[in-house]
Structure formats: C-alpha cells, structure tokens
Protein backbone atom coordinates (compact mmCIF):
# COMPACT_ATOMS: atom_id res chain seq x y z
CA MET A 1 91.15 94.76 129.24
CA ALA A 2 94.83 94.58 128.30
CA ILE A 3 94.18 93.14 124.79
CA ILE A 4 93.31 95.75 122.33
CA VAL A 5 91.63 94.57 118.98
CA ASN A 6 92.71 96.49 116.06
CA LEU A 7 90.17 95.09 113.52
CA ASP A 8 88.80 98.47 112.64
CA VAL A 9 92.23 99.73 111.57
CA MET A 10 93.02 96.66 109.39
CA MET A 11 89.56 96.89 107.92
CA ALA A 12 90.08 100.58 106.97
CA ARG A 13 93.50 99.72 105.46
CA ARG A 14 91.93 97.10 103.22
CA LYS A 15 88.78 99.44 102.55
CA MET A 16 86.50 96.72 103.65
CA SER A 17 83.26 97.10 105.50
CA LEU A 18 81.95 95.03 108.53
CA ASN A 19 79.39 93.50 106.17
CA GLU A 20 81.90 92.52 103.65
CA LEU A 21 84.05 90.95 106.19
CA SER A 22 81.28 89.29 107.84
CA GLU A 23 80.23 87.57 104.59
CA ALA A 24 83.77 86.64 103.65
CA VAL A 25 84.43 85.21 107.03
CA ASP A 26 81.08 83.64 107.47
CA ILE A 27 80.72 85.14 111.06
CA THR A 28 77.45 86.97 112.11
CA LEU A 29 77.59 90.83 111.93
CA ALA A 30 76.73 90.92 115.63
CA ASN A 31 79.74 88.73 116.62
CA LEU A 32 82.01 90.58 114.35
CA SER A 33 80.85 93.89 115.81
CA LYS A 34 81.61 92.65 119.26
CA LEU A 35 85.01 91.64 118.22
CA LYS A 36 85.65 94.97 116.57
CA THR A 37 84.74 96.83 119.70
CA GLY A 38 86.71 94.49 121.90
CA LYS A 39 83.63 93.23 123.83
CA VAL A 40 84.58 89.61 123.55
CA ARG A 41 86.32 87.41 126.08
CA ALA A 42 87.70 84.87 123.47
CA ILE A 43 88.18 84.27 119.72
CA ARG A 44 88.62 80.87 118.09
CA PHE A 45 91.83 80.39 116.14
CA SER A 46 89.75 79.21 113.28
CA THR A 47 87.93 82.60 113.25
CA LEU A 48 91.14 84.41 113.66
CA GLU A 49 92.74 82.57 110.87
CA ALA A 50 89.74 83.37 108.52
CA ILE A 51 90.00 87.03 109.37
CA CYS A 52 93.70 87.11 108.78
CA GLU A 53 93.31 85.28 105.46
CA VAL A 54 90.64 87.74 104.14
CA LEU A 55 92.43 90.91 105.41
CA ASP A 56 95.87 89.46 104.27
CA CYS A 57 97.36 90.22 107.74
CA GLN A 58 99.01 88.57 110.74
CA PRO A 59 97.30 87.93 114.08
CA GLY A 60 99.68 90.70 115.63
CA ASP A 61 98.20 93.18 113.23
CA LEU A 62 94.74 92.58 114.81
CA LEU A 63 95.70 92.09 118.49
CA GLU A 64 97.78 94.23 120.72
CA PHE A 65 98.82 93.92 124.42
CA SER A 66 98.86 97.08 126.40
CA LYS A 67 100.02 97.32 130.04
CA ASP A 68 97.50 99.36 132.01
C-alpha cells in the first residue's frame, strides 16, 4: 500500500500507549492496532480528527504517501 501510517511514531513522541490512546479516542484496541500496523483500508475523518486532537498533531504527521 502506498499510504504509510506513522501512528506508532507519534505515539512514541507523545509517550502514549495504545491502551491510553484507545481510551482517549474511544476506539477499540483491535481497530487502533490495525490502524497502527496499516492493515486498514479506510479511516473516518472523525476518527482521524480525534486522534490528531489527542496526539496534538496534524493528519500529515500520521499519514504519508510513498511511491512504490
């Protein structure tokens, strides 16, 4: 996939665990884990907005396009 999810990088920078982010964003741990590993095909803007708010970042900090 050409879209790379850098969620783990932002979580490390904010010293936040997957469990903490899951609770703060109100998303299941399983879905957040899939997002973190890039095994999702879509993300709702409301979910992306909530993650950005909690991690104090921009969508571009989480998502990256890479030409293969």
